[in-house]
Amino acid sequence: MHMNLHHLAIFNAIAETGSISAAAQRLHISQPALSREVKDFEARLGIALFERQPRGMRKTHAGEVLHEYAARLFDIARTAQAAMQEIADARMGHLSIGASNTNGTYVLPQRLATFRRANPHVRITMFVGNTEQISQGVADMRFTLGFIEGPLHVGGLVAEQFQTDDLVPVVATDHELLRKARITAADIDGQPLLMRERGSGTRELIADMLDTNGIRQGSVMEFGNTEALKQAVMHGGGIAWLPRISIARELDEGAVVALPVDNLMVQRPLSVIRRANAPLSPTSDAFLQALRDSLEA
């Protein structure tokens, strides 16, 4: 019994798309030619891999089993291709980074600029999104390195904490809570809140802290980035938990006020993530070392 990669690629495309026409389009093969190839493959194996149905192709039990192996094989092929691309990128000096909001706005730009001055040949791209988007982007090999500010929920990745940051509950200077002689966690119950969107690591950590303290969330206004949250707080939109690194100046100038309730503060890790079994390119390794050196300094 001979099984070649060409037949396996055709089988895998049909298994993933569920139809001859979609697989033919993906592989740039005509539908009649692809149908012949599948029949030839099944004849060689002596097993039916698909049930032909009016609305597509359904995998038989044998097809289900083979698809598990094929999916793993082509995953390895994609990983191998990405590894070669990373080596080529490293030689050309390409650093591809995904960063969540706090990292991408307040932590990395200064360090990337310093790194670029020391390595002028390096081409740097950085995408800023939320923790969920960045984790998935590293897993999908779109980013060599990811920088996140919340829990890691995607498999096949490893995280290393490089810094911590406090999320500080802040309000506008004329917020009604500031008129109280003493503010407790219970006073937050039902108050209008300003939050990041779902999928944000910051949002997840704050929700966990509120649950732990038995605080019921009031009406929530959602924002896609920290700077928009900051503006909404200063204009009296409600309570927001903002990274201390992002509001140092506003706190000093009195543009916002931190609520003096210790157990409402959230300390979170800022972590760098990468694929578990992929060796780091020399460029990525050099940038991580430069980042560690700058934080120690």
Protein backbone atom coordinates (compact mmCIF):
# COMPACT_ATOMS: atom_id res chain seq x y z
CA MET A 1 0.00 0.00 0.00
CA HIS A 2 1.59 3.27 -1.15
CA MET A 3 0.48 6.63 0.25
CA ASN A 4 1.98 9.73 -1.34
CA LEU A 5 1.85 13.32 -0.07
CA HIS A 6 0.03 14.55 -3.19
CA HIS A 7 -2.92 12.25 -2.52
CA LEU A 8 -2.81 13.06 1.17
CA ALA A 9 -2.90 16.84 0.45
CA ILE A 10 -5.96 16.34 -1.80
CA PHE A 11 -7.68 14.20 0.84
CA ASN A 12 -6.89 16.79 3.56
CA ALA A 13 -8.27 19.69 1.49
CA ILE A 14 -11.57 17.86 0.93
CA ALA A 15 -11.74 16.81 4.61
CA GLU A 16 -11.21 20.43 5.73
CA THR A 17 -13.52 22.13 3.20
CA GLY A 18 -16.19 19.43 3.00
CA SER A 19 -16.58 19.63 -0.76
CA ILE A 20 -14.84 18.74 -4.02
CA SER A 21 -15.43 22.23 -5.49
CA ALA A 22 -13.96 24.12 -2.50
CA ALA A 23 -10.95 21.77 -2.35
CA ALA A 24 -10.38 22.14 -6.12
CA GLN A 25 -10.43 25.92 -5.73
CA ARG A 26 -7.99 25.79 -2.81
CA LEU A 27 -5.55 23.50 -4.65
CA HIS A 28 -6.02 25.09 -8.13
CA ILE A 29 -6.99 21.71 -9.63
CA SER A 30 -10.05 21.11 -11.81
CA GLN A 31 -12.97 19.34 -10.12
CA PRO A 32 -12.98 16.31 -12.49
CA ALA A 33 -9.22 15.82 -12.00
CA LEU A 34 -9.57 16.08 -8.23
CA SER A 35 -12.45 13.56 -8.21
CA ARG A 36 -10.31 11.11 -10.19
CA GLU A 37 -7.40 11.54 -7.78
CA VAL A 38 -9.64 10.80 -4.77
CA LYS A 39 -11.07 7.66 -6.39
CA ASP A 40 -7.54 6.54 -7.28
CA PHE A 41 -6.40 7.13 -3.66
CA GLU A 42 -9.36 5.16 -2.26
CA ALA A 43 -8.69 2.34 -4.75
CA ARG A 44 -5.03 2.15 -3.70
CA LEU A 45 -6.01 2.02 -0.01
CA GLY A 46 -8.92 -0.36 -0.61
CA ILE A 47 -11.07 1.80 1.70
CA ALA A 48 -13.77 4.46 1.14
CA LEU A 49 -12.68 7.73 2.72
CA PHE A 50 -15.80 9.78 1.94
CA GLU A 51 -19.53 9.30 1.55
CA ARG A 52 -20.73 11.32 -1.46
CA GLN A 53 -23.77 13.37 -0.45
CA PRO A 54 -25.90 15.96 -2.31
CA ARG A 55 -24.38 18.76 -0.21
CA GLY A 56 -20.76 17.72 -0.13
CA MET A 57 -18.43 15.03 1.10
CA ARG A 58 -18.79 13.38 4.51
CA LYS A 59 -15.84 11.51 6.02
CA THR A 60 -16.27 7.80 6.70
CA HIS A 61 -14.80 6.32 9.90
CA ALA A 62 -11.59 5.59 7.96
CA GLY A 63 -11.63 9.15 6.66
CA GLU A 64 -11.95 10.53 10.21
CA VAL A 65 -8.94 8.47 11.35
CA LEU A 66 -6.81 9.45 8.34
CA HIS A 67 -7.76 13.13 8.76
CA GLU A 68 -6.28 13.15 12.29
CA TYR A 69 -2.94 11.96 10.91
CA ALA A 70 -3.07 14.26 7.87
CA ALA A 71 -3.87 17.32 9.99
CA ARG A 72 -0.89 16.60 12.27
CA LEU A 73 1.41 16.01 9.29
CA PHE A 74 0.49 19.29 7.57
CA ASP A 75 0.73 21.16 10.90
CA ILE A 76 4.33 19.93 11.16
CA ALA A 77 4.94 21.01 7.55
CA ARG A 78 3.62 24.52 8.33
CA THR A 79 5.80 24.69 11.46
CA ALA A 80 8.85 23.63 9.44
CA GLN A 81 8.11 26.29 6.83
CA ALA A 82 7.67 28.93 9.56
CA ALA A 83 10.97 27.88 11.16
CA MET A 84 12.76 28.34 7.82
CA GLN A 85 11.03 31.71 7.36
CA GLU A 86 12.13 32.79 10.83
CA ILE A 87 15.75 31.91 10.04
CA ALA A 88 15.49 33.82 6.76
CA ASP A 89 13.84 36.77 8.55
CA ALA A 90 16.57 36.75 11.20
CA ARG A 91 19.24 36.96 8.50
CA MET A 92 17.35 39.83 6.91
CA GLY A 93 16.76 41.26 10.39
CA HIS A 94 12.97 41.07 10.73
CA LEU A 95 11.32 41.28 14.16
CA SER A 96 7.59 40.46 14.09
CA ILE A 97 5.83 41.34 17.36
CA GLY A 98 2.24 41.20 18.61
CA ALA A 99 1.54 43.27 21.72
CA SER A 100 -1.49 43.83 23.90
CA ASN A 101 -2.53 47.39 24.66
CA THR A 102 -0.38 48.33 27.65
CA ASN A 103 2.72 46.64 26.24
CA GLY A 104 2.21 48.01 22.75
CA THR A 105 1.49 51.58 23.87
CA TYR A 106 3.57 52.18 27.01
CA VAL A 107 6.25 49.47 27.41
CA LEU A 108 7.61 48.52 23.99
CA PRO A 109 7.79 51.62 21.73
CA GLN A 110 10.68 53.22 23.63
CA ARG A 111 12.57 49.89 23.82
CA LEU A 112 11.96 49.13 20.15
CA ALA A 113 13.25 52.58 19.15
CA THR A 114 16.40 52.05 21.25
CA PHE A 115 16.89 48.57 19.77
CA ARG A 116 16.44 49.94 16.24
CA ARG A 117 19.07 52.64 16.82
CA ALA A 118 21.54 49.95 17.94
CA ASN A 119 20.51 47.63 15.05
CA PRO A 120 19.59 49.91 12.12
CA HIS A 121 19.34 46.99 9.66
CA VAL A 122 16.45 45.38 11.58
CA ARG A 123 12.94 45.64 10.10
CA ILE A 124 10.36 45.78 12.89
CA THR A 125 6.60 45.26 12.67
CA MET A 126 4.28 45.43 15.69
CA PHE A 127 0.56 44.71 15.80
CA VAL A 128 -1.37 45.98 18.85
CA GLY A 129 -4.50 44.08 19.91
CA ASN A 130 -5.92 42.37 22.98
CA THR A 131 -4.42 39.39 24.84
CA GLU A 132 -6.66 36.89 23.03
CA GLN A 133 -5.70 38.22 19.57
CA ILE A 134 -1.98 38.28 20.39
CA SER A 135 -1.93 34.75 21.87
CA GLN A 136 -3.72 33.36 18.81
CA GLY A 137 -1.38 35.29 16.49
CA VAL A 138 1.69 33.72 18.08
CA ALA A 139 0.09 30.26 17.88
CA ASP A 140 -0.75 30.87 14.19
CA MET A 141 2.87 31.93 13.52
CA ARG A 142 1.90 35.48 12.51
CA PHE A 143 4.11 36.85 15.32
CA THR A 144 7.46 35.49 16.49
CA LEU A 145 7.00 37.07 19.92
CA GLY A 146 3.88 38.18 21.77
CA PHE A 147 3.59 40.50 24.76
CA ILE A 148 0.44 40.06 26.84
CA GLU A 149 -0.98 41.48 30.06
CA GLY A 150 -3.40 38.79 31.13
CA PRO A 151 -3.72 35.03 31.58
CA LEU A 152 -2.59 32.80 28.70
CA HIS A 153 -5.35 30.49 27.44
CA VAL A 154 -3.89 29.22 24.13
CA GLY A 155 -2.14 25.83 24.05
CA GLY A 156 1.31 25.20 22.61
CA LEU A 157 2.74 28.48 23.94
CA VAL A 158 5.00 29.34 26.88
CA ALA A 159 4.86 32.59 28.87
CA GLU A 160 7.64 34.30 30.80
CA GLN A 161 6.86 37.23 33.09
CA PHE A 162 9.19 40.19 32.54
CA GLN A 163 7.47 42.92 34.61
CA THR A 164 4.43 43.55 36.81
CA ASP A 165 2.01 46.45 36.59
CA ASP A 166 -0.81 47.65 38.85
CA LEU A 167 -4.32 48.27 37.58
CA VAL A 168 -5.51 51.27 39.59
CA PRO A 169 -9.22 52.11 40.05
CA VAL A 170 -9.57 55.79 39.09
CA VAL A 171 -12.37 58.35 38.74
CA ALA A 172 -12.79 61.96 37.64
CA THR A 173 -11.97 64.64 40.23
CA ASP A 174 -15.68 65.45 40.79
CA HIS A 175 -16.94 61.85 41.09
CA GLU A 176 -19.63 61.37 43.74
CA LEU A 177 -17.64 58.65 45.58
CA LEU A 178 -14.95 61.19 46.50
CA ARG A 179 -17.48 63.01 48.70
CA LYS A 180 -17.57 60.05 51.09
CA ALA A 181 -15.35 60.16 54.17
CA ARG A 182 -14.36 56.52 53.68
CA ILE A 183 -14.78 54.43 50.51
CA THR A 184 -15.15 50.64 50.73
CA ALA A 185 -15.43 47.90 48.13
CA ALA A 186 -19.18 47.74 48.78
CA ASP A 187 -19.54 51.34 47.52
CA ILE A 188 -18.50 50.17 44.03
CA ASP A 189 -21.52 47.84 43.83
CA GLY A 190 -23.71 48.85 40.88
CA GLN A 191 -21.57 51.89 39.93
CA PRO A 192 -21.15 52.64 36.19
CA LEU A 193 -17.90 51.05 34.99
CA LEU A 194 -15.58 51.71 32.06
CA MET A 195 -13.94 48.54 30.73
CA ARG A 196 -11.88 47.16 27.87
CA GLU A 197 -13.62 44.85 25.38
CA ARG A 198 -14.13 41.13 25.98
CA GLY A 199 -10.98 39.20 25.06
CA SER A 200 -8.83 41.76 26.89
CA GLY A 201 -6.61 40.31 29.62
CA THR A 202 -7.21 43.46 31.68
CA ARG A 203 -10.99 42.97 31.51
CA GLU A 204 -10.67 39.35 32.67
CA LEU A 205 -8.49 40.23 35.68
CA ILE A 206 -10.83 43.04 36.80
CA ALA A 207 -13.92 40.83 36.46
CA ASP A 208 -12.23 38.15 38.61
CA MET A 209 -11.33 40.75 41.27
CA LEU A 210 -14.91 42.11 41.38
CA ASP A 211 -16.29 38.55 41.74
CA THR A 212 -13.81 37.80 44.55
CA ASN A 213 -15.01 40.89 46.41
CA GLY A 214 -18.69 40.12 45.77
CA ILE A 215 -19.11 43.35 43.79
CA ARG A 216 -21.96 43.45 41.29
CA GLN A 217 -20.97 45.14 38.04
CA GLY A 218 -23.06 48.17 37.16
CA SER A 219 -23.62 49.32 33.59
CA VAL A 220 -20.46 48.80 31.53
CA MET A 221 -19.20 51.03 28.73
CA GLU A 222 -16.61 49.24 26.56
CA PHE A 223 -13.54 50.74 24.89
CA GLY A 224 -11.00 49.20 22.51
CA ASN A 225 -7.93 50.90 23.99
CA THR A 226 -6.52 52.42 27.17
CA GLU A 227 -6.25 56.01 25.91
CA ALA A 228 -9.99 56.10 25.10
CA LEU A 229 -10.72 54.72 28.60
CA LYS A 230 -8.57 57.43 30.13
CA GLN A 231 -10.46 60.20 28.31
CA ALA A 232 -13.83 58.72 29.36
CA VAL A 233 -12.74 58.62 33.03
CA MET A 234 -11.53 62.22 33.00
CA HIS A 235 -14.90 63.29 31.60
CA GLY A 236 -16.85 61.58 34.38
CA GLY A 237 -17.93 58.40 32.57
CA GLY A 238 -17.49 56.13 35.58
CA ILE A 239 -14.84 54.01 37.33
CA ALA A 240 -12.00 52.53 35.28
CA TRP A 241 -9.04 50.33 36.19
CA LEU A 242 -6.07 51.78 34.34
CA PRO A 243 -2.46 50.58 34.20
CA ARG A 244 -0.34 52.67 36.57
CA ILE A 245 2.24 52.96 33.80
CA SER A 246 -0.38 54.75 31.65
CA ILE A 247 -1.61 57.34 34.18
CA ALA A 248 1.50 58.43 36.12
CA ARG A 249 1.27 61.96 34.71
CA GLU A 250 -2.53 62.25 35.10
CA LEU A 251 -2.30 61.21 38.78
CA ASP A 252 0.52 63.73 39.41
CA GLU A 253 -1.43 66.53 37.73
CA GLY A 254 -4.71 65.62 39.47
CA ALA A 255 -6.56 64.94 36.21
CA VAL A 256 -7.82 61.66 37.72
CA VAL A 257 -8.00 60.40 41.31
CA ALA A 258 -7.18 56.88 42.50
CA LEU A 259 -9.85 55.34 44.74
CA PRO A 260 -8.18 54.62 48.11
CA VAL A 261 -9.38 51.00 48.46
CA ASP A 262 -6.48 48.53 48.68
CA ASN A 263 -8.36 45.35 47.73
CA LEU A 264 -9.64 46.96 44.51
CA MET A 265 -6.10 47.19 43.12
CA VAL A 266 -5.11 44.44 40.69
CA GLN A 267 -1.48 43.47 40.16
CA ARG A 268 -0.91 41.69 36.89
CA PRO A 269 2.04 40.13 35.10
CA LEU A 270 3.32 41.51 31.82
CA SER A 271 4.55 38.44 29.95
CA VAL A 272 6.34 37.56 26.74
CA ILE A 273 4.95 34.52 24.94
CA ARG A 274 6.32 32.31 22.17
CA ARG A 275 5.68 28.89 20.67
CA ALA A 276 6.78 26.16 23.04
CA ASN A 277 9.08 24.16 20.77
CA ALA A 278 10.28 26.83 18.34
CA PRO A 279 13.88 28.04 18.81
CA LEU A 280 14.17 31.82 18.99
CA SER A 281 15.76 33.59 16.06
CA PRO A 282 18.95 35.58 16.84
CA THR A 283 17.04 38.86 16.27
CA SER A 284 14.24 37.93 18.71
CA ASP A 285 16.77 36.70 21.26
CA ALA A 286 18.75 39.95 21.00
CA PHE A 287 15.61 42.07 21.48
CA LEU A 288 14.51 40.08 24.58
CA GLN A 289 17.98 40.53 26.10
CA ALA A 290 17.85 44.27 25.38
CA LEU A 291 14.39 44.45 27.01
CA ARG A 292 15.63 42.65 30.15
CA ASP A 293 18.69 44.93 30.33
CA SER A 294 16.53 48.08 30.09
CA LEU A 295 14.18 46.88 32.84
CA GLU A 296 17.09 46.04 35.15
CA ALA A 297 18.60 49.47 34.52
